[in-house]
Each structure stands twice: as C-alpha cells, then as structure tokens.
Amino acid sequence: MTGAVLWDLDGTLVDSEEYHWQSWRDTMRAEGVDITPEQFAASFGQKNDRILHAWLGDDLVPQRVQRLGDVKEAEFRRIAVKGGVAPLPGGAEWVARLHAEGWRQAIATSAPRQNAEVMLRALGLERYFDAVAAAEDVTAGKPDPQIFLAAAARLQMPASRCIVVEDVAAGLQAARRAGMRCIGVSRTADLEADLVVRSLTELPPDAFTRLLV
C-alpha cells in the first residue's frame, strides 16, 4: 500500500500570513473592532468561528460569524490573487516529487474550500493533489483531528499510512490525535513532531518513507 501526505496549506506550503492579517484587520476595522498583530498571530491556522468567538465573545450569533467570515475570506482571495502567491522553499519540489513516487496527497486546511482552490491554482500545484479537505468538511477545527481524518477518508487511506505536514502546534496535535505521523515546519516556533525542520528544503531525501517504516 502506498502512503499519503496530508498538507496544511497556509504557512506550510505557502506564506499567506500577511494576506490573512490584512483581510482580518480590515474586516474587523469595518466593524469598529481593532485587532492587534498579537491577537491575529495567536489565531493563525484556526477556523473562523473559533477566531471570531475569541475576539468578540461567546455570545456571538452564528449569522454574524458567517457574515464576517465570508467578508474576510472574499477579501483574502481578492488580495491574494492581486498580489500573487508563491510556494514556500521546497514546497513545490516536494509535492511534485511525492506525486512522481506514487504517494497520494491531500490538502487539509482550516480555510474554506474556495480559498484552497484559489491558492492551488495560483501555485500551479492542482494536478498533484488527489483531494482537498477544508473548513466546510468538519464541525471542529484543529487541534481536533477531524480535518485530517476527513482528508484520509477522501484518499481511502488508513491513518497509519498518513503523514501530516504542519507549521503550527494545534495542527500537529490534531495529527497525533488522528493517529498519524507528522512533520513540523517552522522558522520560529518550537514544535513537537516526529520530525521538525525550519524549512522543507531541510528534509532528508527519505524523510517520508522513513516515517512509515
């Protein structure tokens, strides 16, 4: 049986943090709420409902959550397309290599599906992925394991044959809860994973194969 690689998108394959910050800042400012860079950084990689409840309180009604999330994501897509995106170092090379070697691959993101599709088209990586699991496919975001279990199910792959690549602690915790091996990638954070690197370019040639032995 071949293995599968489940990729987080934002911060792992593409550096989109600045676009997310700008779109959240402007969306919340239009609501009369100023968020700080520190608040944004603490929320990065989470689902919109969790982010908004943290910023606006637990009594936030679902309709407002949906409206603010839709406005923010539309603005994110607009500025991402306008400004352009590029894969983080080593990302495109690893995705292409794993595809050539027969690995199945999926995106597993807390972002809406439309965001993932826009980003993959902009990156030119669509053809390498067999599935996308996104915010619409789960009821709870990372560190809940739902997103990775959903991605594995779409690939028809058991958790024991899946490797998650993530850049934040909540995502790695979700991977472990799903019963999957994981690789942490971060230039700044102190992550706990089966393998931790500062950049995908630092991964050894047998990194993925070795984790499934």
N, C-alpha and C. Protein backbone atom coordinates (compact mmCIF):
# COMPACT_ATOMS: atom_id res chain seq x y z
N MET A 1 0.84 -1.20 0.00
CA MET A 1 0.00 0.00 0.00
C MET A 1 0.88 1.25 0.00
N THR A 2 0.53 2.21 -0.85
CA THR A 2 1.26 3.46 -0.85
C THR A 2 0.90 4.28 0.38
N GLY A 3 1.69 5.30 0.63
CA GLY A 3 1.40 6.20 1.73
C GLY A 3 0.71 7.45 1.23
N ALA A 4 0.31 8.28 2.19
CA ALA A 4 -0.35 9.54 1.85
C ALA A 4 0.28 10.67 2.65
N VAL A 5 0.33 11.83 2.04
CA VAL A 5 0.82 13.03 2.71
C VAL A 5 -0.32 14.04 2.75
N LEU A 6 -0.63 14.51 3.95
CA LEU A 6 -1.70 15.48 4.16
C LEU A 6 -1.06 16.81 4.49
N TRP A 7 -1.19 17.75 3.59
CA TRP A 7 -0.52 19.03 3.71
C TRP A 7 -1.44 20.10 4.28
N ASP A 8 -1.02 20.76 5.33
CA ASP A 8 -1.61 22.04 5.68
C ASP A 8 -1.21 23.00 4.56
N LEU A 9 -1.97 24.08 4.39
CA LEU A 9 -1.70 24.99 3.28
C LEU A 9 -1.05 26.30 3.75
N ASP A 10 -1.79 27.09 4.49
CA ASP A 10 -1.28 28.40 4.91
C ASP A 10 -0.14 28.24 5.93
N GLY A 11 1.01 28.79 5.59
CA GLY A 11 2.16 28.72 6.47
C GLY A 11 3.01 27.48 6.29
N THR A 12 2.50 26.50 5.55
CA THR A 12 3.24 25.26 5.32
C THR A 12 3.69 25.17 3.87
N LEU A 13 2.74 25.27 2.94
CA LEU A 13 3.08 25.27 1.53
C LEU A 13 3.22 26.68 0.96
N VAL A 14 2.51 27.62 1.56
CA VAL A 14 2.53 29.00 1.03
C VAL A 14 2.55 29.99 2.19
N ASP A 15 3.30 31.06 2.03
CA ASP A 15 3.38 32.09 3.05
C ASP A 15 2.29 33.13 2.77
N SER A 16 1.11 32.89 3.32
CA SER A 16 -0.04 33.75 3.08
C SER A 16 -0.42 34.56 4.32
N GLU A 17 0.43 34.53 5.34
CA GLU A 17 0.07 35.14 6.61
C GLU A 17 -0.25 36.62 6.48
N GLU A 18 0.54 37.36 5.70
CA GLU A 18 0.31 38.79 5.56
C GLU A 18 -1.05 39.08 4.92
N TYR A 19 -1.45 38.28 3.94
CA TYR A 19 -2.76 38.46 3.32
C TYR A 19 -3.88 38.20 4.32
N HIS A 20 -3.71 37.16 5.14
CA HIS A 20 -4.73 36.86 6.16
C HIS A 20 -4.80 38.00 7.17
N TRP A 21 -3.65 38.51 7.59
CA TRP A 21 -3.64 39.62 8.54
C TRP A 21 -4.36 40.84 7.96
N GLN A 22 -4.03 41.21 6.73
CA GLN A 22 -4.65 42.39 6.13
C GLN A 22 -6.16 42.23 6.02
N SER A 23 -6.61 41.05 5.59
CA SER A 23 -8.05 40.85 5.39
C SER A 23 -8.80 40.80 6.71
N TRP A 24 -8.22 40.18 7.74
CA TRP A 24 -8.88 40.20 9.06
C TRP A 24 -8.87 41.61 9.65
N ARG A 25 -7.75 42.30 9.56
CA ARG A 25 -7.65 43.65 10.11
C ARG A 25 -8.70 44.57 9.51
N ASP A 26 -8.82 44.55 8.19
CA ASP A 26 -9.74 45.46 7.51
C ASP A 26 -11.19 45.06 7.75
N THR A 27 -11.46 43.76 7.79
CA THR A 27 -12.82 43.30 8.05
C THR A 27 -13.28 43.71 9.45
N MET A 28 -12.43 43.50 10.44
CA MET A 28 -12.81 43.83 11.81
C MET A 28 -12.86 45.34 12.03
N ARG A 29 -11.99 46.07 11.36
CA ARG A 29 -12.00 47.53 11.49
C ARG A 29 -13.31 48.11 10.98
N ALA A 30 -13.85 47.53 9.91
CA ALA A 30 -15.14 47.98 9.39
C ALA A 30 -16.26 47.73 10.39
N GLU A 31 -16.03 46.79 11.34
CA GLU A 31 -17.00 46.51 12.40
C GLU A 31 -16.74 47.35 13.64
N GLY A 32 -15.74 48.22 13.57
CA GLY A 32 -15.40 49.03 14.73
C GLY A 32 -14.54 48.31 15.74
N VAL A 33 -13.87 47.25 15.31
CA VAL A 33 -13.03 46.45 16.21
C VAL A 33 -11.60 46.44 15.68
N ASP A 34 -10.68 46.89 16.49
CA ASP A 34 -9.27 46.84 16.10
C ASP A 34 -8.60 45.64 16.74
N ILE A 35 -8.06 44.75 15.92
CA ILE A 35 -7.33 43.60 16.43
C ILE A 35 -5.84 43.89 16.33
N THR A 36 -5.09 43.31 17.23
CA THR A 36 -3.65 43.53 17.25
C THR A 36 -2.94 42.42 16.48
N PRO A 37 -1.72 42.68 16.02
CA PRO A 37 -0.94 41.61 15.39
C PRO A 37 -0.79 40.40 16.30
N GLU A 38 -0.71 40.63 17.60
CA GLU A 38 -0.57 39.51 18.54
C GLU A 38 -1.84 38.67 18.59
N GLN A 39 -3.00 39.31 18.57
CA GLN A 39 -4.25 38.57 18.53
C GLN A 39 -4.35 37.74 17.26
N PHE A 40 -3.98 38.37 16.16
CA PHE A 40 -4.02 37.64 14.88
C PHE A 40 -3.08 36.44 14.90
N ALA A 41 -1.85 36.64 15.36
CA ALA A 41 -0.86 35.56 15.37
C ALA A 41 -1.34 34.38 16.21
N ALA A 42 -2.01 34.66 17.32
CA ALA A 42 -2.50 33.60 18.19
C ALA A 42 -3.62 32.80 17.53
N SER A 43 -4.28 33.40 16.53
CA SER A 43 -5.42 32.75 15.89
C SER A 43 -5.04 32.02 14.61
N PHE A 44 -3.85 32.24 14.10
CA PHE A 44 -3.50 31.76 12.76
C PHE A 44 -3.61 30.24 12.67
N GLY A 45 -4.32 29.76 11.64
CA GLY A 45 -4.49 28.34 11.44
C GLY A 45 -5.77 27.78 12.02
N GLN A 46 -6.56 28.62 12.71
CA GLN A 46 -7.82 28.17 13.30
C GLN A 46 -8.98 28.45 12.38
N LYS A 47 -10.11 27.77 12.66
CA LYS A 47 -11.32 28.03 11.90
C LYS A 47 -11.88 29.40 12.28
N ASN A 48 -12.63 30.00 11.36
CA ASN A 48 -13.14 31.35 11.57
C ASN A 48 -14.06 31.46 12.77
N ASP A 49 -14.89 30.45 13.03
CA ASP A 49 -15.81 30.56 14.16
C ASP A 49 -15.05 30.64 15.47
N ARG A 50 -13.99 29.85 15.61
CA ARG A 50 -13.19 29.90 16.83
C ARG A 50 -12.48 31.25 16.96
N ILE A 51 -11.95 31.74 15.85
CA ILE A 51 -11.26 33.03 15.86
C ILE A 51 -12.20 34.15 16.30
N LEU A 52 -13.38 34.19 15.70
CA LEU A 52 -14.31 35.29 15.98
C LEU A 52 -14.88 35.23 17.39
N HIS A 53 -15.13 34.03 17.89
CA HIS A 53 -15.60 33.92 19.27
C HIS A 53 -14.52 34.39 20.25
N ALA A 54 -13.27 34.13 19.93
CA ALA A 54 -12.18 34.58 20.80
C ALA A 54 -12.08 36.10 20.82
N TRP A 55 -12.35 36.71 19.67
CA TRP A 55 -12.23 38.17 19.57
C TRP A 55 -13.47 38.91 20.03
N LEU A 56 -14.66 38.32 19.80
CA LEU A 56 -15.91 39.05 20.02
C LEU A 56 -16.78 38.48 21.12
N GLY A 57 -16.39 37.34 21.70
CA GLY A 57 -17.15 36.79 22.82
C GLY A 57 -17.96 35.57 22.46
N ASP A 58 -18.31 34.80 23.48
CA ASP A 58 -19.03 33.54 23.28
C ASP A 58 -20.48 33.74 22.88
N ASP A 59 -21.04 34.95 23.08
CA ASP A 59 -22.45 35.18 22.75
C ASP A 59 -22.64 35.63 21.30
N LEU A 60 -21.60 35.55 20.51
CA LEU A 60 -21.67 35.94 19.10
C LEU A 60 -22.64 35.02 18.36
N VAL A 61 -23.58 35.61 17.62
CA VAL A 61 -24.60 34.80 16.94
C VAL A 61 -24.03 34.20 15.66
N PRO A 62 -24.49 33.00 15.28
CA PRO A 62 -23.95 32.32 14.09
C PRO A 62 -24.04 33.15 12.82
N GLN A 63 -25.12 33.94 12.68
CA GLN A 63 -25.28 34.73 11.47
C GLN A 63 -24.15 35.75 11.30
N ARG A 64 -23.72 36.35 12.41
CA ARG A 64 -22.63 37.32 12.33
C ARG A 64 -21.31 36.63 12.06
N VAL A 65 -21.12 35.46 12.66
CA VAL A 65 -19.92 34.68 12.39
C VAL A 65 -19.80 34.39 10.90
N GLN A 66 -20.91 33.94 10.31
CA GLN A 66 -20.91 33.60 8.89
C GLN A 66 -20.65 34.83 8.03
N ARG A 67 -21.31 35.94 8.36
CA ARG A 67 -21.15 37.16 7.57
C ARG A 67 -19.72 37.68 7.63
N LEU A 68 -19.15 37.76 8.81
CA LEU A 68 -17.79 38.27 8.94
C LEU A 68 -16.78 37.34 8.28
N GLY A 69 -17.00 36.03 8.45
CA GLY A 69 -16.10 35.08 7.81
C GLY A 69 -16.14 35.18 6.30
N ASP A 70 -17.35 35.33 5.74
CA ASP A 70 -17.49 35.44 4.29
C ASP A 70 -16.80 36.70 3.76
N VAL A 71 -16.99 37.82 4.48
CA VAL A 71 -16.36 39.07 4.05
C VAL A 71 -14.85 38.95 4.10
N LYS A 72 -14.34 38.41 5.19
CA LYS A 72 -12.88 38.27 5.33
C LYS A 72 -12.30 37.39 4.25
N GLU A 73 -12.93 36.25 3.99
CA GLU A 73 -12.37 35.30 3.01
C GLU A 73 -12.44 35.85 1.59
N ALA A 74 -13.50 36.57 1.28
CA ALA A 74 -13.58 37.18 -0.04
C ALA A 74 -12.46 38.21 -0.22
N GLU A 75 -12.21 38.98 0.82
CA GLU A 75 -11.12 39.96 0.76
C GLU A 75 -9.77 39.27 0.66
N PHE A 76 -9.60 38.18 1.40
CA PHE A 76 -8.35 37.42 1.32
C PHE A 76 -8.10 36.93 -0.10
N ARG A 77 -9.11 36.35 -0.71
CA ARG A 77 -8.93 35.84 -2.07
C ARG A 77 -8.62 36.96 -3.05
N ARG A 78 -9.26 38.10 -2.86
CA ARG A 78 -9.03 39.23 -3.76
C ARG A 78 -7.59 39.70 -3.70
N ILE A 79 -7.07 39.91 -2.49
CA ILE A 79 -5.72 40.45 -2.39
C ILE A 79 -4.67 39.37 -2.70
N ALA A 80 -5.00 38.11 -2.46
CA ALA A 80 -4.06 37.04 -2.80
C ALA A 80 -3.89 36.92 -4.31
N VAL A 81 -5.00 36.98 -5.02
CA VAL A 81 -4.93 36.92 -6.48
C VAL A 81 -4.23 38.16 -7.03
N LYS A 82 -4.55 39.32 -6.48
CA LYS A 82 -3.94 40.56 -6.94
C LYS A 82 -2.46 40.60 -6.65
N GLY A 83 -2.06 40.20 -5.44
CA GLY A 83 -0.66 40.28 -5.04
C GLY A 83 0.18 39.11 -5.48
N GLY A 84 -0.48 37.98 -5.77
CA GLY A 84 0.25 36.79 -6.18
C GLY A 84 0.77 36.00 -4.99
N VAL A 85 0.95 34.72 -5.19
CA VAL A 85 1.47 33.84 -4.15
C VAL A 85 2.56 32.95 -4.73
N ALA A 86 3.42 32.46 -3.86
CA ALA A 86 4.48 31.54 -4.28
C ALA A 86 4.65 30.49 -3.20
N PRO A 87 4.99 29.27 -3.57
CA PRO A 87 5.20 28.23 -2.55
C PRO A 87 6.40 28.56 -1.68
N LEU A 88 6.32 28.15 -0.43
CA LEU A 88 7.47 28.30 0.45
C LEU A 88 8.62 27.42 -0.06
N PRO A 89 9.87 27.75 0.28
CA PRO A 89 11.01 26.99 -0.24
C PRO A 89 10.86 25.47 -0.03
N GLY A 90 11.04 24.75 -1.11
CA GLY A 90 10.97 23.30 -1.06
C GLY A 90 9.59 22.72 -1.24
N GLY A 91 8.55 23.54 -1.11
CA GLY A 91 7.19 23.02 -1.16
C GLY A 91 6.81 22.40 -2.49
N ALA A 92 6.94 23.18 -3.56
CA ALA A 92 6.56 22.67 -4.88
C ALA A 92 7.40 21.47 -5.27
N GLU A 93 8.67 21.51 -4.92
CA GLU A 93 9.57 20.39 -5.28
C GLU A 93 9.16 19.10 -4.58
N TRP A 94 8.82 19.21 -3.30
CA TRP A 94 8.41 18.01 -2.56
C TRP A 94 7.07 17.48 -3.05
N VAL A 95 6.14 18.35 -3.32
CA VAL A 95 4.83 17.92 -3.81
C VAL A 95 4.98 17.18 -5.13
N ALA A 96 5.77 17.72 -6.04
CA ALA A 96 5.98 17.08 -7.34
C ALA A 96 6.72 15.75 -7.18
N ARG A 97 7.71 15.72 -6.31
CA ARG A 97 8.49 14.50 -6.11
C ARG A 97 7.64 13.39 -5.53
N LEU A 98 6.84 13.71 -4.51
CA LEU A 98 6.00 12.70 -3.88
C LEU A 98 4.97 12.16 -4.88
N HIS A 99 4.42 13.04 -5.69
CA HIS A 99 3.48 12.61 -6.72
C HIS A 99 4.15 11.62 -7.68
N ALA A 100 5.36 11.94 -8.11
CA ALA A 100 6.09 11.07 -9.04
C ALA A 100 6.41 9.72 -8.41
N GLU A 101 6.59 9.70 -7.09
CA GLU A 101 6.93 8.46 -6.40
C GLU A 101 5.70 7.63 -6.03
N GLY A 102 4.51 8.13 -6.34
CA GLY A 102 3.30 7.35 -6.12
C GLY A 102 2.56 7.62 -4.83
N TRP A 103 3.01 8.61 -4.08
CA TRP A 103 2.29 8.99 -2.86
C TRP A 103 0.98 9.67 -3.23
N ARG A 104 -0.07 9.42 -2.45
CA ARG A 104 -1.31 10.17 -2.59
C ARG A 104 -1.21 11.41 -1.71
N GLN A 105 -1.79 12.51 -2.17
CA GLN A 105 -1.64 13.76 -1.44
C GLN A 105 -2.97 14.49 -1.35
N ALA A 106 -3.15 15.14 -0.20
CA ALA A 106 -4.36 15.94 0.02
C ALA A 106 -3.99 17.22 0.75
N ILE A 107 -4.78 18.25 0.53
CA ILE A 107 -4.72 19.45 1.35
C ILE A 107 -5.69 19.26 2.51
N ALA A 108 -5.26 19.60 3.71
CA ALA A 108 -6.12 19.54 4.90
C ALA A 108 -6.01 20.89 5.60
N THR A 109 -6.97 21.75 5.34
CA THR A 109 -6.86 23.14 5.78
C THR A 109 -8.06 23.59 6.59
N SER A 110 -7.83 24.52 7.51
CA SER A 110 -8.91 25.13 8.28
C SER A 110 -9.62 26.22 7.47
N ALA A 111 -9.08 26.56 6.33
CA ALA A 111 -9.66 27.59 5.48
C ALA A 111 -10.82 27.04 4.64
N PRO A 112 -11.67 27.90 4.11
CA PRO A 112 -12.73 27.45 3.21
C PRO A 112 -12.17 26.79 1.95
N ARG A 113 -12.96 25.90 1.37
CA ARG A 113 -12.53 25.18 0.17
C ARG A 113 -12.16 26.13 -0.96
N GLN A 114 -12.94 27.20 -1.12
CA GLN A 114 -12.67 28.13 -2.22
C GLN A 114 -11.29 28.76 -2.08
N ASN A 115 -10.88 29.04 -0.85
CA ASN A 115 -9.53 29.57 -0.63
C ASN A 115 -8.49 28.58 -1.10
N ALA A 116 -8.65 27.31 -0.70
CA ALA A 116 -7.68 26.28 -1.08
C ALA A 116 -7.59 26.15 -2.59
N GLU A 117 -8.73 26.16 -3.26
CA GLU A 117 -8.74 26.02 -4.72
C GLU A 117 -8.05 27.20 -5.39
N VAL A 118 -8.32 28.41 -4.89
CA VAL A 118 -7.67 29.60 -5.45
C VAL A 118 -6.16 29.53 -5.26
N MET A 119 -5.74 29.12 -4.07
CA MET A 119 -4.31 29.06 -3.77
C MET A 119 -3.61 28.00 -4.61
N LEU A 120 -4.21 26.84 -4.74
CA LEU A 120 -3.59 25.77 -5.53
C LEU A 120 -3.46 26.16 -7.00
N ARG A 121 -4.47 26.85 -7.52
CA ARG A 121 -4.38 27.32 -8.91
C ARG A 121 -3.25 28.35 -9.04
N ALA A 122 -3.19 29.26 -8.07
CA ALA A 122 -2.16 30.30 -8.13
C ALA A 122 -0.76 29.70 -8.02
N LEU A 123 -0.64 28.62 -7.25
CA LEU A 123 0.64 27.96 -7.06
C LEU A 123 1.00 27.03 -8.22
N GLY A 124 0.00 26.67 -9.02
CA GLY A 124 0.23 25.73 -10.11
C GLY A 124 0.43 24.31 -9.63
N LEU A 125 -0.20 23.95 -8.50
CA LEU A 125 0.02 22.63 -7.90
C LEU A 125 -1.22 21.75 -7.93
N GLU A 126 -2.30 22.20 -8.54
CA GLU A 126 -3.57 21.45 -8.52
C GLU A 126 -3.40 20.00 -8.94
N ARG A 127 -2.63 19.77 -9.99
CA ARG A 127 -2.57 18.42 -10.58
C ARG A 127 -1.92 17.39 -9.67
N TYR A 128 -1.24 17.84 -8.63
CA TYR A 128 -0.54 16.90 -7.76
C TYR A 128 -1.40 16.39 -6.61
N PHE A 129 -2.58 16.97 -6.41
CA PHE A 129 -3.39 16.63 -5.25
C PHE A 129 -4.61 15.81 -5.64
N ASP A 130 -4.87 14.77 -4.85
CA ASP A 130 -5.99 13.88 -5.09
C ASP A 130 -7.25 14.30 -4.36
N ALA A 131 -7.12 15.17 -3.36
CA ALA A 131 -8.28 15.57 -2.57
C ALA A 131 -7.98 16.86 -1.81
N VAL A 132 -9.04 17.54 -1.42
CA VAL A 132 -8.95 18.71 -0.54
C VAL A 132 -9.99 18.53 0.56
N ALA A 133 -9.55 18.63 1.81
CA ALA A 133 -10.46 18.68 2.96
C ALA A 133 -10.35 20.08 3.54
N ALA A 134 -11.49 20.74 3.71
CA ALA A 134 -11.48 22.15 4.12
C ALA A 134 -12.48 22.39 5.24
N ALA A 135 -12.63 23.66 5.60
CA ALA A 135 -13.45 24.02 6.76
C ALA A 135 -14.88 23.50 6.66
N GLU A 136 -15.43 23.48 5.44
CA GLU A 136 -16.81 23.02 5.27
C GLU A 136 -16.99 21.54 5.59
N ASP A 137 -15.90 20.78 5.65
CA ASP A 137 -15.99 19.34 5.82
C ASP A 137 -15.95 18.89 7.27
N VAL A 138 -15.81 19.83 8.21
CA VAL A 138 -15.68 19.46 9.62
C VAL A 138 -16.54 20.37 10.49
N THR A 139 -16.79 19.91 11.72
CA THR A 139 -17.54 20.72 12.67
C THR A 139 -16.64 21.33 13.73
N ALA A 140 -15.41 20.85 13.82
CA ALA A 140 -14.44 21.39 14.78
C ALA A 140 -13.08 21.49 14.11
N GLY A 141 -12.38 22.59 14.38
CA GLY A 141 -11.07 22.80 13.77
C GLY A 141 -9.94 22.23 14.60
N LYS A 142 -8.74 22.34 14.06
CA LYS A 142 -7.55 21.88 14.77
C LYS A 142 -7.47 22.61 16.12
N PRO A 143 -7.14 21.92 17.21
CA PRO A 143 -6.47 20.62 17.32
C PRO A 143 -7.36 19.39 17.26
N ASP A 144 -8.64 19.56 16.99
CA ASP A 144 -9.48 18.39 16.75
C ASP A 144 -8.97 17.67 15.50
N PRO A 145 -8.96 16.35 15.48
CA PRO A 145 -8.39 15.62 14.33
C PRO A 145 -9.30 15.50 13.12
N GLN A 146 -10.51 16.06 13.18
CA GLN A 146 -11.48 15.83 12.10
C GLN A 146 -10.94 16.11 10.71
N ILE A 147 -10.22 17.21 10.54
CA ILE A 147 -9.79 17.60 9.19
C ILE A 147 -8.85 16.58 8.58
N PHE A 148 -7.97 16.01 9.40
CA PHE A 148 -7.04 15.01 8.87
C PHE A 148 -7.73 13.67 8.62
N LEU A 149 -8.66 13.32 9.48
CA LEU A 149 -9.43 12.10 9.25
C LEU A 149 -10.30 12.22 8.00
N ALA A 150 -10.83 13.43 7.77
CA ALA A 150 -11.63 13.66 6.55
C ALA A 150 -10.76 13.55 5.30
N ALA A 151 -9.55 14.11 5.37
CA ALA A 151 -8.64 14.02 4.22
C ALA A 151 -8.24 12.58 3.94
N ALA A 152 -7.94 11.84 5.00
CA ALA A 152 -7.56 10.43 4.82
C ALA A 152 -8.71 9.63 4.23
N ALA A 153 -9.94 9.91 4.67
CA ALA A 153 -11.10 9.19 4.13
C ALA A 153 -11.28 9.48 2.65
N ARG A 154 -11.03 10.71 2.24
CA ARG A 154 -11.16 11.05 0.82
C ARG A 154 -10.12 10.35 -0.02
N LEU A 155 -8.98 10.06 0.58
CA LEU A 155 -7.92 9.33 -0.13
C LEU A 155 -8.08 7.82 0.03
N GLN A 156 -9.06 7.41 0.84
CA GLN A 156 -9.27 5.99 1.16
C GLN A 156 -7.97 5.38 1.71
N MET A 157 -7.39 6.09 2.67
CA MET A 157 -6.11 5.71 3.25
C MET A 157 -6.24 5.64 4.77
N PRO A 158 -5.77 4.55 5.41
CA PRO A 158 -5.83 4.48 6.86
C PRO A 158 -4.90 5.49 7.50
N ALA A 159 -5.25 5.90 8.71
CA ALA A 159 -4.44 6.90 9.41
C ALA A 159 -3.00 6.46 9.59
N SER A 160 -2.80 5.17 9.76
CA SER A 160 -1.45 4.65 9.99
C SER A 160 -0.54 4.81 8.78
N ARG A 161 -1.12 5.10 7.60
CA ARG A 161 -0.32 5.28 6.39
C ARG A 161 -0.27 6.74 5.96
N CYS A 162 -0.67 7.64 6.86
CA CYS A 162 -0.70 9.06 6.53
C CYS A 162 0.37 9.83 7.30
N ILE A 163 0.96 10.80 6.62
CA ILE A 163 1.92 11.73 7.24
C ILE A 163 1.39 13.14 7.05
N VAL A 164 1.30 13.87 8.16
CA VAL A 164 0.83 15.25 8.14
C VAL A 164 2.03 16.19 8.11
N VAL A 165 1.93 17.25 7.31
CA VAL A 165 2.94 18.31 7.31
C VAL A 165 2.26 19.59 7.76
N GLU A 166 2.75 20.17 8.85
CA GLU A 166 2.09 21.30 9.51
C GLU A 166 3.11 22.32 10.00
N ASP A 167 2.61 23.54 10.25
CA ASP A 167 3.51 24.59 10.74
C ASP A 167 3.12 25.13 12.10
N VAL A 168 2.01 24.64 12.69
CA VAL A 168 1.59 25.14 13.99
C VAL A 168 1.31 23.99 14.94
N ALA A 169 1.40 24.30 16.24
CA ALA A 169 1.26 23.27 17.27
C ALA A 169 -0.12 22.62 17.24
N ALA A 170 -1.18 23.42 17.02
CA ALA A 170 -2.53 22.86 17.01
C ALA A 170 -2.70 21.83 15.90
N GLY A 171 -2.10 22.08 14.74
CA GLY A 171 -2.19 21.13 13.64
C GLY A 171 -1.45 19.84 13.93
N LEU A 172 -0.29 19.95 14.56
CA LEU A 172 0.47 18.75 14.91
C LEU A 172 -0.23 17.96 16.00
N GLN A 173 -0.87 18.65 16.92
CA GLN A 173 -1.65 17.96 17.95
C GLN A 173 -2.82 17.22 17.31
N ALA A 174 -3.46 17.84 16.33
CA ALA A 174 -4.54 17.18 15.61
C ALA A 174 -4.06 15.93 14.88
N ALA A 175 -2.87 16.01 14.30
CA ALA A 175 -2.31 14.86 13.60
C ALA A 175 -2.08 13.70 14.56
N ARG A 176 -1.53 14.00 15.72
CA ARG A 176 -1.28 12.93 16.69
C ARG A 176 -2.59 12.32 17.18
N ARG A 177 -3.60 13.16 17.39
CA ARG A 177 -4.90 12.66 17.82
C ARG A 177 -5.54 11.78 16.75
N ALA A 178 -5.20 12.04 15.48
CA ALA A 178 -5.72 11.23 14.38
C ALA A 178 -4.95 9.92 14.22
N GLY A 179 -3.86 9.75 14.98
CA GLY A 179 -3.05 8.55 14.87
C GLY A 179 -2.11 8.56 13.68
N MET A 180 -1.67 9.77 13.30
CA MET A 180 -0.81 9.93 12.13
C MET A 180 0.56 10.43 12.52
N ARG A 181 1.57 10.05 11.74
CA ARG A 181 2.91 10.61 11.92
C ARG A 181 2.90 12.04 11.39
N CYS A 182 3.85 12.85 11.85
CA CYS A 182 3.79 14.26 11.44
C CYS A 182 5.16 14.90 11.34
N ILE A 183 5.23 15.88 10.46
CA ILE A 183 6.42 16.70 10.24
C ILE A 183 6.06 18.14 10.56
N GLY A 184 6.85 18.78 11.42
CA GLY A 184 6.64 20.17 11.76
C GLY A 184 7.62 21.06 11.02
N VAL A 185 7.11 22.14 10.44
CA VAL A 185 7.95 23.06 9.66
C VAL A 185 7.75 24.48 10.18
N SER A 186 8.78 25.07 10.76
CA SER A 186 8.67 26.44 11.24
C SER A 186 10.04 27.06 11.42
N ARG A 187 10.15 28.30 11.00
CA ARG A 187 11.39 29.04 11.20
C ARG A 187 11.50 29.60 12.61
N THR A 188 10.37 29.69 13.31
CA THR A 188 10.39 30.37 14.61
C THR A 188 9.81 29.56 15.76
N ALA A 189 8.78 28.77 15.51
CA ALA A 189 8.09 28.08 16.60
C ALA A 189 8.84 26.84 17.05
N ASP A 190 8.68 26.51 18.33
CA ASP A 190 9.24 25.29 18.91
C ASP A 190 8.15 24.22 18.84
N LEU A 191 8.24 23.33 17.87
CA LEU A 191 7.19 22.36 17.59
C LEU A 191 7.55 20.97 18.08
N GLU A 192 6.52 20.18 18.37
CA GLU A 192 6.69 18.77 18.72
C GLU A 192 6.11 17.92 17.60
N ALA A 193 6.98 17.15 16.96
CA ALA A 193 6.56 16.30 15.85
C ALA A 193 7.55 15.15 15.71
N ASP A 194 7.23 14.20 14.85
CA ASP A 194 8.16 13.09 14.60
C ASP A 194 9.44 13.59 13.95
N LEU A 195 9.31 14.66 13.18
CA LEU A 195 10.45 15.29 12.53
C LEU A 195 10.16 16.78 12.45
N VAL A 196 11.12 17.60 12.86
CA VAL A 196 10.95 19.05 12.84
C VAL A 196 12.08 19.68 12.04
N VAL A 197 11.71 20.56 11.10
CA VAL A 197 12.70 21.27 10.29
C VAL A 197 12.30 22.74 10.21
N ARG A 198 13.27 23.58 9.92
CA ARG A 198 12.99 25.01 9.75
C ARG A 198 12.43 25.32 8.36
N SER A 199 12.72 24.46 7.41
CA SER A 199 12.27 24.66 6.04
C SER A 199 12.11 23.29 5.38
N LEU A 200 11.19 23.19 4.43
CA LEU A 200 11.02 21.94 3.70
C LEU A 200 12.28 21.57 2.93
N THR A 201 13.13 22.54 2.64
CA THR A 201 14.38 22.25 1.95
C THR A 201 15.34 21.44 2.83
N GLU A 202 15.11 21.42 4.14
CA GLU A 202 15.97 20.69 5.06
C GLU A 202 15.57 19.22 5.21
N LEU A 203 14.45 18.83 4.64
CA LEU A 203 14.01 17.43 4.78
C LEU A 203 14.97 16.50 4.05
N PRO A 204 15.40 15.43 4.71
CA PRO A 204 16.26 14.46 4.02
C PRO A 204 15.49 13.74 2.93
N PRO A 205 16.18 13.20 1.93
CA PRO A 205 15.50 12.56 0.80
C PRO A 205 14.55 11.44 1.18
N ASP A 206 14.83 10.73 2.28
CA ASP A 206 13.99 9.61 2.69
C ASP A 206 13.06 9.97 3.83
N ALA A 207 12.82 11.26 4.03
CA ALA A 207 12.04 11.70 5.20
C ALA A 207 10.69 11.04 5.30
N PHE A 208 9.93 11.01 4.23
CA PHE A 208 8.56 10.48 4.28
C PHE A 208 8.58 8.96 4.36
N THR A 209 9.39 8.34 3.56
CA THR A 209 9.47 6.87 3.59
C THR A 209 9.88 6.37 4.95
N ARG A 210 10.83 7.04 5.57
CA ARG A 210 11.35 6.61 6.87
C ARG A 210 10.28 6.67 7.96
N LEU A 211 9.36 7.62 7.86
CA LEU A 211 8.33 7.76 8.89
C LEU A 211 7.28 6.65 8.83
N LEU A 212 7.18 5.97 7.71
CA LEU A 212 6.20 4.90 7.59
C LEU A 212 6.80 3.50 7.75
N VAL A 213 8.09 3.43 8.00
CA VAL A 213 8.74 2.11 8.16
C VAL A 213 8.31 1.51 9.50
